[in-house]
Amino acid sequence: MIEFLPLLMFAVICLVLMLGYPVAFSLAGTAMLFAGIGISIGHFDASFLSSLSGRLFGTITNVTLLAVPLFVLMGVLLEKSRLAEDLLSNMAALFGRRRGGLGFSVILVGMLLAASTGIVGATVVTMGLMSLPTMLKRGYSPSLATGTICATGTLGQIIPPSIALVLLGDTLSSAYQQAQLDLGVFSPKTLSVGDLFIGALVPGLLLVVLYLLYMGFVAMTRPESAPAATDLDPPPLMQLLKGLVPPIALILTVLGSILVGAATPTEAAGVGALGAALMAAAKGELNIVRLGEVARETLKVTCMVFMILIGAAVFSLVFRGFGGDDLIQHFFAQLPGGVMTATLIVMLVIFLLGFILDFIEITFVVVPIVGPILLAMGVDPIWLGIMIALNLQTSFLTPPFGFALFYLRGVAPPSVTTSDIYRGVAPYIALQLLMLTLLAIWPSLATWLPSIIRGQ
């Protein structure tokens, strides 16, 4: 029974989080409670906790994680200064007179907004407030409108620059080093957040193309569900360029500097935050009140991320102290089918946990446990990171517990029923599962571009 203490600890933390207790303190508190139990029964070495201070100091001083508040700042600036709203209105006016045009606009703007914010909740709520009333007013079916908004909102998981990819990249980098240490191999090859950004480009853009093809299919086969907005006139060219060029140029600059190796993700995040501030100032939206709102929102998200990270560091240390990693490694080694079966089980567990845990908790709790084991079995770290991101993106859409569904339900009008949202996301879930399957069959979709650019 004692050897199953780490699994019991994992089950308890899932239960505590489902009860609604604060994530960061639940992680650390549960871990320390089990550590105390383990010490009292002589099954946990208290000296194992001596490395905790060094681990926490290394986490807080991690330069890579500095990209988190900077990318959050960039996204909040674009949202609060109404640059995203202008982008949507101009795109809608450009495509709206065509059948499915508003849907195309929402997908494209959602992609850009997801790239700028990187937070699923922020993107879904923003798109829900801006575009859902417009789509319903123009005659779009509630299921198609809500499904499209939820699906595009979750693109923040996979479209770089993404907060999820920053956190995944840092966690998988540590897991990669741990796997090399466990194998006794010291390779100069490393994994960076930039590698994940590059690897996510092709799958992310392919997913957007699948969304657009589905919207076009609906517009052709069910025109009453995606009618043309005949009351929208194409905007003047200068107005269109003024609304579209600055945010697109900002995102391309941030991504381009990473792709060509001119900047690290952290440096590129700084450039993005500065560019968003200059754009907000040029629009006349960067007053002292707005700056205070942006600063508070950025501080709130950043503190949440780092507190969860600290709690997860305590949890993973105690889990390893109980020999939990050895227990899981032994379990995976006994599975028929080897690495393929192990990867499939991990993906299934992450998918199910995505119903009850946010991506931040899964990244900091689950990935450090299973990541070193899968990487030691020969799984490509870039492919694994993109698979996890796509997997979480799918779980956030899946009824009845998908987070994106709750976010949109909170801002949708009473005329939109929960069943409308569930029906609307079903086709997009199928498209995401198709993309996940394609990536599983052809891992080069994620690994080809990084190998070309990085020369690996």
Protein backbone atom coordinates (compact mmCIF):
# COMPACT_ATOMS: atom_id res chain seq x y z
CA MET A 1 0.00 0.00 0.00
CA ILE A 2 2.81 2.39 0.88
CA GLU A 3 4.29 2.26 -2.63
CA PHE A 4 1.01 3.64 -3.98
CA LEU A 5 1.23 6.80 -1.85
CA PRO A 6 2.31 8.98 -4.83
CA LEU A 7 -0.72 7.85 -6.84
CA LEU A 8 -2.96 8.52 -3.85
CA MET A 9 -1.39 11.98 -3.55
CA PHE A 10 -2.17 12.65 -7.23
CA ALA A 11 -5.79 11.49 -6.76
CA VAL A 12 -6.20 13.70 -3.66
CA ILE A 13 -4.93 16.80 -5.45
CA CYS A 14 -7.38 16.23 -8.30
CA LEU A 15 -10.21 15.92 -5.76
CA VAL A 16 -9.15 19.06 -3.89
CA LEU A 17 -8.98 21.07 -7.12
CA MET A 18 -12.42 19.82 -8.17
CA LEU A 19 -13.78 21.14 -4.86
CA GLY A 20 -12.67 24.60 -5.95
CA TYR A 21 -9.77 25.35 -3.61
CA PRO A 22 -6.98 27.69 -4.83
CA VAL A 23 -4.70 25.75 -7.13
CA ALA A 24 -1.27 26.94 -5.99
CA PHE A 25 -1.90 26.46 -2.28
CA SER A 26 -3.69 23.15 -2.86
CA LEU A 27 -0.68 21.77 -4.72
CA ALA A 28 1.86 22.83 -2.11
CA GLY A 29 -0.40 22.06 0.86
CA THR A 30 -1.31 18.55 -0.31
CA ALA A 31 2.33 17.78 -1.10
CA MET A 32 3.56 18.93 2.32
CA LEU A 33 0.74 17.02 4.06
CA PHE A 34 1.78 13.79 2.33
CA ALA A 35 5.44 14.55 2.99
CA GLY A 36 4.61 14.84 6.71
CA ILE A 37 2.74 11.53 6.59
CA GLY A 38 5.64 9.90 4.77
CA ILE A 39 8.17 11.19 7.31
CA SER A 40 6.05 10.01 10.25
CA ILE A 41 5.86 6.46 8.85
CA GLY A 42 9.52 6.47 7.80
CA HIS A 43 8.80 6.28 4.09
CA PHE A 44 10.01 9.75 3.07
CA ASP A 45 13.47 11.23 3.56
CA ALA A 46 13.05 14.75 4.99
CA SER A 47 16.45 15.76 3.58
CA PHE A 48 14.88 15.40 0.12
CA LEU A 49 13.14 18.74 0.74
CA SER A 50 16.47 20.52 1.20
CA SER A 51 16.68 21.09 -2.55
CA LEU A 52 13.32 22.90 -2.58
CA SER A 53 14.76 26.37 -1.94
CA GLY A 54 17.22 26.04 -4.81
CA ARG A 55 14.49 24.75 -7.13
CA LEU A 56 12.17 27.66 -6.27
CA PHE A 57 14.96 30.20 -6.67
CA GLY A 58 15.79 28.74 -10.07
CA THR A 59 12.13 28.96 -11.07
CA ILE A 60 11.71 32.61 -10.07
CA THR A 61 14.97 33.66 -11.73
CA ASN A 62 14.26 31.72 -14.94
CA VAL A 63 14.77 34.18 -17.80
CA THR A 64 12.58 32.16 -20.15
CA LEU A 65 9.55 32.57 -17.89
CA LEU A 66 9.99 36.35 -18.04
CA ALA A 67 8.23 36.03 -21.40
CA VAL A 68 4.97 35.21 -19.56
CA PRO A 69 4.23 38.68 -18.09
CA LEU A 70 5.49 40.36 -21.26
CA PHE A 71 3.22 38.36 -23.57
CA VAL A 72 0.32 38.87 -21.15
CA LEU A 73 1.03 42.62 -21.17
CA MET A 74 1.06 42.63 -24.97
CA GLY A 75 -2.28 40.83 -25.17
CA VAL A 76 -4.01 42.95 -22.50
CA LEU A 77 -2.82 46.15 -24.21
CA LEU A 78 -4.30 45.02 -27.52
CA GLU A 79 -7.55 44.09 -25.80
CA LYS A 80 -8.00 47.14 -23.54
CA SER A 81 -7.04 49.65 -26.26
CA ARG A 82 -9.77 48.19 -28.53
CA LEU A 83 -7.27 47.39 -31.25
CA ALA A 84 -8.74 43.88 -31.43
CA GLU A 85 -12.25 45.35 -31.73
CA ASP A 86 -11.16 47.53 -34.65
CA LEU A 87 -9.52 44.52 -36.26
CA LEU A 88 -12.76 42.53 -36.05
CA SER A 89 -14.98 45.32 -37.35
CA ASN A 90 -12.72 45.96 -40.35
CA MET A 91 -12.37 42.27 -41.15
CA ALA A 92 -16.14 41.78 -40.82
CA ALA A 93 -16.80 44.69 -43.17
CA LEU A 94 -14.34 43.24 -45.67
CA PHE A 95 -15.80 39.70 -45.78
CA GLY A 96 -19.29 40.16 -44.33
CA ARG A 97 -21.18 40.58 -47.60
CA ARG A 98 -20.24 37.02 -48.57
CA ARG A 99 -21.99 33.94 -47.21
CA GLY A 100 -20.03 32.79 -44.19
CA GLY A 101 -18.03 36.03 -44.32
CA LEU A 102 -18.59 36.91 -40.66
CA GLY A 103 -17.53 33.39 -39.73
CA PHE A 104 -14.33 33.74 -41.76
CA SER A 105 -13.68 37.07 -40.03
CA VAL A 106 -14.18 35.61 -36.55
CA ILE A 107 -11.80 32.72 -37.29
CA LEU A 108 -9.06 34.96 -38.69
CA VAL A 109 -9.38 37.61 -35.98
CA GLY A 110 -9.63 34.90 -33.32
CA MET A 111 -6.38 33.44 -34.65
CA LEU A 112 -4.64 36.81 -34.37
CA LEU A 113 -6.16 37.53 -30.96
CA ALA A 114 -5.17 34.08 -29.73
CA ALA A 115 -1.63 34.75 -30.89
CA SER A 116 -1.55 38.04 -29.02
CA THR A 117 -3.19 37.01 -25.74
CA GLY A 118 -2.32 33.31 -25.49
CA ILE A 119 -4.96 32.84 -22.76
CA VAL A 120 -8.02 30.77 -23.69
CA GLY A 121 -10.42 32.46 -21.27
CA ALA A 122 -9.47 35.99 -22.33
CA THR A 123 -9.83 35.19 -26.03
CA VAL A 124 -13.18 33.37 -25.72
CA VAL A 125 -14.70 36.10 -23.54
CA THR A 126 -13.40 38.90 -25.75
CA MET A 127 -14.60 37.27 -28.97
CA GLY A 128 -17.92 36.39 -27.32
CA LEU A 129 -18.56 39.98 -26.30
CA MET A 130 -17.43 41.47 -29.61
CA SER A 131 -18.68 39.05 -32.26
CA LEU A 132 -21.50 36.88 -30.88
CA PRO A 133 -24.16 39.65 -30.83
CA THR A 134 -23.16 40.68 -34.36
CA MET A 135 -23.35 37.12 -35.72
CA LEU A 136 -26.73 36.47 -34.12
CA LYS A 137 -28.10 39.80 -35.37
CA ARG A 138 -27.03 38.93 -38.93
CA GLY A 139 -28.91 35.61 -38.83
CA TYR A 140 -26.15 33.11 -37.99
CA SER A 141 -27.41 30.00 -36.24
CA PRO A 142 -26.59 30.12 -32.50
CA SER A 143 -24.81 26.76 -32.66
CA LEU A 144 -22.52 27.77 -35.53
CA ALA A 145 -21.74 31.17 -33.99
CA THR A 146 -20.95 29.83 -30.50
CA GLY A 147 -19.01 26.82 -31.81
CA THR A 148 -16.84 29.05 -33.99
CA ILE A 149 -16.09 31.46 -31.16
CA CYS A 150 -15.21 28.69 -28.69
CA ALA A 151 -12.99 26.90 -31.22
CA THR A 152 -11.10 30.01 -32.31
CA GLY A 153 -10.67 31.04 -28.68
CA THR A 154 -8.79 27.83 -27.92
CA LEU A 155 -6.31 28.55 -30.71
CA GLY A 156 -4.32 30.40 -28.06
CA GLN A 157 -3.04 26.97 -26.99
CA ILE A 158 -1.27 26.25 -30.27
CA ILE A 159 -0.79 29.49 -32.25
CA PRO A 160 2.53 31.11 -31.27
CA PRO A 161 3.45 33.24 -29.47
CA SER A 162 1.44 31.37 -26.86
CA ILE A 163 1.64 31.43 -23.07
CA ALA A 164 0.86 27.71 -23.08
CA LEU A 165 3.82 26.99 -25.36
CA VAL A 166 6.12 29.16 -23.22
CA LEU A 167 5.22 27.19 -20.11
CA LEU A 168 5.28 23.85 -21.94
CA GLY A 169 8.65 24.66 -23.49
CA ASP A 170 10.23 25.49 -20.16
CA THR A 171 8.74 22.40 -18.47
CA LEU A 172 9.72 20.05 -21.30
CA SER A 173 13.21 21.52 -21.36
CA SER A 174 13.64 20.53 -17.71
CA ALA A 175 12.09 17.13 -18.45
CA TYR A 176 14.51 16.66 -21.35
CA GLN A 177 17.48 17.38 -19.10
CA GLN A 178 16.09 15.01 -16.45
CA ALA A 179 15.65 12.28 -19.09
CA GLN A 180 19.27 12.68 -20.19
CA LEU A 181 20.36 12.50 -16.56
CA ASP A 182 18.32 9.34 -15.96
CA LEU A 183 19.85 7.75 -19.07
CA GLY A 184 23.36 8.91 -18.21
CA VAL A 185 23.55 10.70 -21.56
CA PHE A 186 24.91 14.23 -21.89
CA SER A 187 23.96 15.64 -25.27
CA PRO A 188 24.63 19.24 -26.34
CA LYS A 189 21.21 19.26 -28.00
CA THR A 190 18.64 21.23 -25.98
CA LEU A 191 14.97 22.14 -26.24
CA SER A 192 13.89 25.78 -26.20
CA VAL A 193 10.60 27.65 -26.23
CA GLY A 194 11.55 28.92 -29.69
CA ASP A 195 11.66 25.33 -30.95
CA LEU A 196 8.08 24.79 -29.79
CA PHE A 197 6.99 28.07 -31.40
CA ILE A 198 8.45 26.98 -34.72
CA GLY A 199 7.07 23.46 -34.41
CA ALA A 200 3.57 24.77 -33.67
CA LEU A 201 3.36 26.97 -36.77
CA VAL A 202 2.44 24.29 -39.32
CA PRO A 203 -0.09 22.38 -37.13
CA GLY A 204 -1.62 25.64 -35.90
CA LEU A 205 -2.07 27.10 -39.37
CA LEU A 206 -3.39 23.77 -40.71
CA LEU A 207 -5.99 23.80 -37.95
CA VAL A 208 -7.06 27.32 -38.93
CA VAL A 209 -7.35 26.17 -42.57
CA LEU A 210 -9.57 23.27 -41.44
CA TYR A 211 -11.80 25.74 -39.56
CA LEU A 212 -12.06 27.97 -42.66
CA LEU A 213 -12.88 24.99 -44.90
CA TYR A 214 -15.62 23.91 -42.51
CA MET A 215 -17.10 27.42 -42.46
CA GLY A 216 -17.05 27.48 -46.27
CA PHE A 217 -18.72 24.07 -46.36
CA VAL A 218 -21.52 25.27 -44.05
CA ALA A 219 -21.98 28.44 -46.10
CA MET A 220 -22.44 26.36 -49.27
CA THR A 221 -24.61 23.56 -47.89
CA ARG A 222 -26.60 25.47 -45.24
CA PRO A 223 -26.66 29.12 -46.36
CA GLU A 224 -29.42 29.96 -43.86
CA SER A 225 -26.96 29.20 -41.02
CA ALA A 226 -24.26 31.56 -42.33
CA PRO A 227 -26.01 34.26 -44.39
CA ALA A 228 -24.33 37.20 -46.06
CA ALA A 229 -24.44 40.47 -44.12
CA THR A 230 -25.72 42.68 -46.95
CA ASP A 231 -25.86 45.76 -44.71
CA LEU A 232 -22.08 45.82 -44.27
CA ASP A 233 -20.18 47.96 -46.76
CA PRO A 234 -16.50 47.32 -47.51
CA PRO A 235 -14.39 49.87 -45.60
CA PRO A 236 -12.21 52.44 -47.39
CA LEU A 237 -8.75 51.12 -48.19
CA MET A 238 -6.94 53.45 -45.78
CA GLN A 239 -9.29 52.58 -42.93
CA LEU A 240 -8.81 48.89 -43.66
CA LEU A 241 -5.03 49.19 -43.70
CA LYS A 242 -5.06 51.29 -40.53
CA GLY A 243 -7.04 48.62 -38.69
CA LEU A 244 -5.30 45.53 -40.06
CA VAL A 245 -1.65 46.37 -40.64
CA PRO A 246 -0.42 47.44 -37.14
CA PRO A 247 -1.56 44.36 -35.12
CA ILE A 248 -0.60 41.94 -37.90
CA ALA A 249 2.80 43.62 -38.30
CA LEU A 250 3.34 43.42 -34.52
CA ILE A 251 2.61 39.69 -34.36
CA LEU A 252 4.72 38.98 -37.46
CA THR A 253 7.60 40.99 -35.97
CA VAL A 254 7.47 39.03 -32.73
CA LEU A 255 7.31 35.66 -34.51
CA GLY A 256 9.78 36.63 -37.24
CA SER A 257 12.45 37.72 -34.76
CA ILE A 258 12.20 34.30 -33.08
CA LEU A 259 12.15 32.33 -36.34
CA VAL A 260 15.26 33.98 -37.78
CA GLY A 261 17.10 33.72 -34.46
CA ALA A 262 17.37 37.48 -33.98
CA ALA A 263 15.71 37.33 -30.57
CA THR A 264 14.85 34.83 -27.87
CA PRO A 265 11.15 34.41 -26.99
CA THR A 266 11.71 36.59 -23.92
CA GLU A 267 13.31 39.37 -25.97
CA ALA A 268 10.61 39.07 -28.61
CA ALA A 269 7.96 39.33 -25.88
CA GLY A 270 9.55 42.60 -24.75
CA VAL A 271 9.41 43.92 -28.30
CA GLY A 272 5.77 42.85 -28.56
CA ALA A 273 4.80 44.56 -25.31
CA LEU A 274 6.56 47.77 -26.36
CA GLY A 275 4.95 47.65 -29.81
CA ALA A 276 1.48 47.14 -28.32
CA ALA A 277 2.04 50.09 -25.97
CA LEU A 278 3.11 52.34 -28.87
CA MET A 279 0.07 51.26 -30.91
CA ALA A 280 -2.26 51.98 -27.98
CA ALA A 281 -0.61 55.38 -27.49
CA ALA A 282 -0.95 56.21 -31.19
CA LYS A 283 -4.66 55.36 -30.96
CA GLY A 284 -5.04 57.65 -27.94
CA GLU A 285 -6.00 54.80 -25.61
CA LEU A 286 -2.95 54.78 -23.32
CA ASN A 287 -4.04 57.15 -20.55
CA ILE A 288 -3.21 56.73 -16.90
CA VAL A 289 -6.52 54.98 -16.13
CA ARG A 290 -6.12 52.49 -18.98
CA LEU A 291 -2.49 51.88 -18.05
CA GLY A 292 -3.58 51.08 -14.49
CA GLU A 293 -6.16 48.55 -15.78
CA VAL A 294 -3.55 46.91 -18.00
CA ALA A 295 -0.99 46.75 -15.20
CA ARG A 296 -3.45 45.20 -12.73
CA GLU A 297 -4.65 42.58 -15.21
CA THR A 298 -1.07 41.67 -16.16
CA LEU A 299 -0.03 41.45 -12.50
CA LYS A 300 -3.05 39.28 -11.70
CA VAL A 301 -2.33 36.73 -14.43
CA THR A 302 1.44 36.72 -13.79
CA CYS A 303 1.04 36.16 -10.05
CA MET A 304 -1.41 33.34 -10.72
CA VAL A 305 1.01 31.60 -13.08
CA PHE A 306 4.04 31.89 -10.81
CA MET A 307 2.18 30.89 -7.65
CA ILE A 308 0.90 27.78 -9.42
CA LEU A 309 4.43 27.13 -10.67
CA ILE A 310 5.80 27.31 -7.11
CA GLY A 311 3.07 25.01 -5.79
CA ALA A 312 3.67 22.57 -8.62
CA ALA A 313 7.42 22.56 -7.93
CA VAL A 314 6.72 21.48 -4.35
CA PHE A 315 4.26 18.83 -5.54
CA SER A 316 6.59 17.33 -8.16
CA LEU A 317 9.52 17.25 -5.69
CA VAL A 318 7.49 15.34 -3.08
CA PHE A 319 6.09 13.05 -5.79
CA ARG A 320 9.62 12.14 -6.89
CA GLY A 321 10.65 11.77 -3.24
CA PHE A 322 8.02 9.05 -2.84
CA GLY A 323 9.40 7.30 -5.92
CA GLY A 324 6.37 8.17 -8.02
CA ASP A 325 8.43 8.61 -11.17
CA ASP A 326 9.92 5.12 -10.74
CA LEU A 327 6.43 3.69 -10.23
CA ILE A 328 5.14 5.25 -13.47
CA GLN A 329 8.28 4.29 -15.37
CA HIS A 330 7.87 0.67 -14.27
CA PHE A 331 4.20 0.76 -15.29
CA PHE A 332 5.06 2.11 -18.75
CA ALA A 333 7.82 -0.48 -19.19
CA GLN A 334 5.32 -3.30 -18.60
CA LEU A 335 2.85 -2.04 -21.20
CA PRO A 336 2.47 -3.99 -24.45
CA GLY A 337 3.28 -1.84 -27.44
CA GLY A 338 6.07 0.09 -25.71
CA VAL A 339 6.37 3.79 -26.34
CA MET A 340 3.29 3.98 -28.58
CA THR A 341 0.97 2.62 -25.86
CA ALA A 342 2.64 4.76 -23.19
CA THR A 343 2.18 7.93 -25.27
CA LEU A 344 -1.44 7.03 -25.99
CA ILE A 345 -2.20 6.55 -22.29
CA VAL A 346 -0.51 9.84 -21.36
CA MET A 347 -2.52 11.66 -24.04
CA LEU A 348 -5.74 10.09 -22.77
CA VAL A 349 -4.97 11.05 -19.16
CA ILE A 350 -4.11 14.64 -20.16
CA PHE A 351 -7.31 14.84 -22.22
CA LEU A 352 -9.43 13.71 -19.26
CA LEU A 353 -7.61 15.99 -16.80
CA GLY A 354 -8.30 18.86 -19.19
CA PHE A 355 -11.94 18.65 -18.07
CA ILE A 356 -11.12 19.55 -14.47
CA LEU A 357 -7.71 21.28 -14.55
CA ASP A 358 -6.47 24.32 -16.44
CA PHE A 359 -3.55 23.96 -18.85
CA ILE A 360 -1.24 25.65 -16.34
CA GLU A 361 -1.86 23.01 -13.67
CA ILE A 362 -1.48 20.17 -16.18
CA THR A 363 1.73 21.68 -17.54
CA PHE A 364 3.30 22.06 -14.12
CA VAL A 365 1.94 18.90 -12.45
CA VAL A 366 1.53 16.18 -15.08
CA VAL A 367 4.23 17.02 -17.63
CA PRO A 368 7.15 16.99 -15.11
CA ILE A 369 6.01 13.51 -14.02
CA VAL A 370 5.48 11.81 -17.40
CA GLY A 371 7.72 14.01 -19.57
CA PRO A 372 11.13 12.61 -18.52
CA ILE A 373 9.84 9.04 -18.85
CA LEU A 374 8.46 9.50 -22.39
CA LEU A 375 11.54 11.44 -23.50
CA ALA A 376 13.80 8.73 -22.10
CA MET A 377 11.81 6.24 -24.21
CA GLY A 378 12.81 8.17 -27.33
CA VAL A 379 9.81 10.47 -27.92
CA ASP A 380 10.72 13.69 -29.76
CA PRO A 381 10.31 16.61 -27.29
CA ILE A 382 8.99 19.08 -29.90
CA TRP A 383 6.41 16.59 -31.18
CA LEU A 384 5.37 15.74 -27.61
CA GLY A 385 4.93 19.42 -26.73
CA ILE A 386 2.72 20.14 -29.76
CA MET A 387 0.69 16.97 -29.16
CA ILE A 388 0.05 18.02 -25.55
CA ALA A 389 -0.95 21.54 -26.60
CA LEU A 390 -3.38 20.22 -29.24
CA ASN A 391 -4.72 17.65 -26.80
CA LEU A 392 -5.47 20.28 -24.16
CA GLN A 393 -7.04 22.49 -26.79
CA THR A 394 -9.45 19.68 -27.65
CA SER A 395 -10.32 18.91 -24.02
CA PHE A 396 -11.18 22.59 -23.41
CA LEU A 397 -13.93 22.28 -26.05
CA THR A 398 -15.39 18.91 -25.06
CA PRO A 399 -18.76 18.91 -23.23
CA PRO A 400 -19.80 18.89 -20.52
CA PHE A 401 -16.78 20.30 -18.65
CA GLY A 402 -14.79 22.13 -21.34
CA PHE A 403 -13.51 25.43 -19.94
CA ALA A 404 -14.14 27.33 -23.19
CA LEU A 405 -17.82 26.38 -22.99
CA PHE A 406 -18.12 27.84 -19.49
CA TYR A 407 -16.34 31.03 -20.51
CA LEU A 408 -18.71 31.63 -23.43
CA ARG A 409 -21.79 30.61 -21.44
CA GLY A 410 -20.94 33.41 -19.01
CA VAL A 411 -21.14 36.15 -21.67
CA ALA A 412 -23.70 34.67 -24.09
CA PRO A 413 -27.24 36.14 -24.12
CA PRO A 414 -30.09 34.12 -22.55
CA SER A 415 -31.45 33.31 -26.02
CA VAL A 416 -28.42 31.08 -26.59
CA THR A 417 -28.89 27.75 -24.84
CA THR A 418 -26.18 25.49 -23.47
CA SER A 419 -27.25 22.81 -25.97
CA ASP A 420 -26.60 25.33 -28.77
CA ILE A 421 -23.01 25.68 -27.57
CA TYR A 422 -22.56 21.91 -27.24
CA ARG A 423 -23.88 21.28 -30.76
CA GLY A 424 -21.76 24.08 -32.16
CA VAL A 425 -18.44 22.80 -30.85
CA ALA A 426 -18.98 19.19 -31.98
CA PRO A 427 -17.69 19.68 -35.58
CA TYR A 428 -14.68 21.64 -34.32
CA ILE A 429 -13.83 18.89 -31.84
CA ALA A 430 -13.86 16.47 -34.77
CA LEU A 431 -11.51 18.77 -36.71
CA GLN A 432 -9.12 19.01 -33.76
CA LEU A 433 -9.13 15.24 -33.32
CA LEU A 434 -8.39 14.96 -37.05
CA MET A 435 -5.44 17.33 -36.63
CA LEU A 436 -4.23 15.36 -33.60
CA THR A 437 -4.45 12.13 -35.62
CA LEU A 438 -2.56 13.65 -38.56
CA LEU A 439 0.18 14.82 -36.20
CA ALA A 440 0.39 11.36 -34.63
CA ILE A 441 0.71 9.72 -38.06
CA TRP A 442 3.11 12.34 -39.47
CA PRO A 443 5.23 13.75 -36.62
CA SER A 444 7.21 15.69 -39.22
CA LEU A 445 4.32 18.20 -39.30
CA ALA A 446 5.76 19.46 -36.01
CA THR A 447 9.44 18.56 -36.37
CA TRP A 448 10.17 19.43 -40.01
CA LEU A 449 10.25 23.24 -39.73
CA PRO A 450 12.41 23.33 -36.55
CA SER A 451 14.89 20.93 -38.18
CA ILE A 452 15.14 23.21 -41.23
CA ILE A 453 15.43 26.49 -39.34
CA ARG A 454 17.60 25.27 -36.46
CA GLY A 455 19.61 22.90 -38.67
CA GLN A 456 19.02 20.02 -36.26
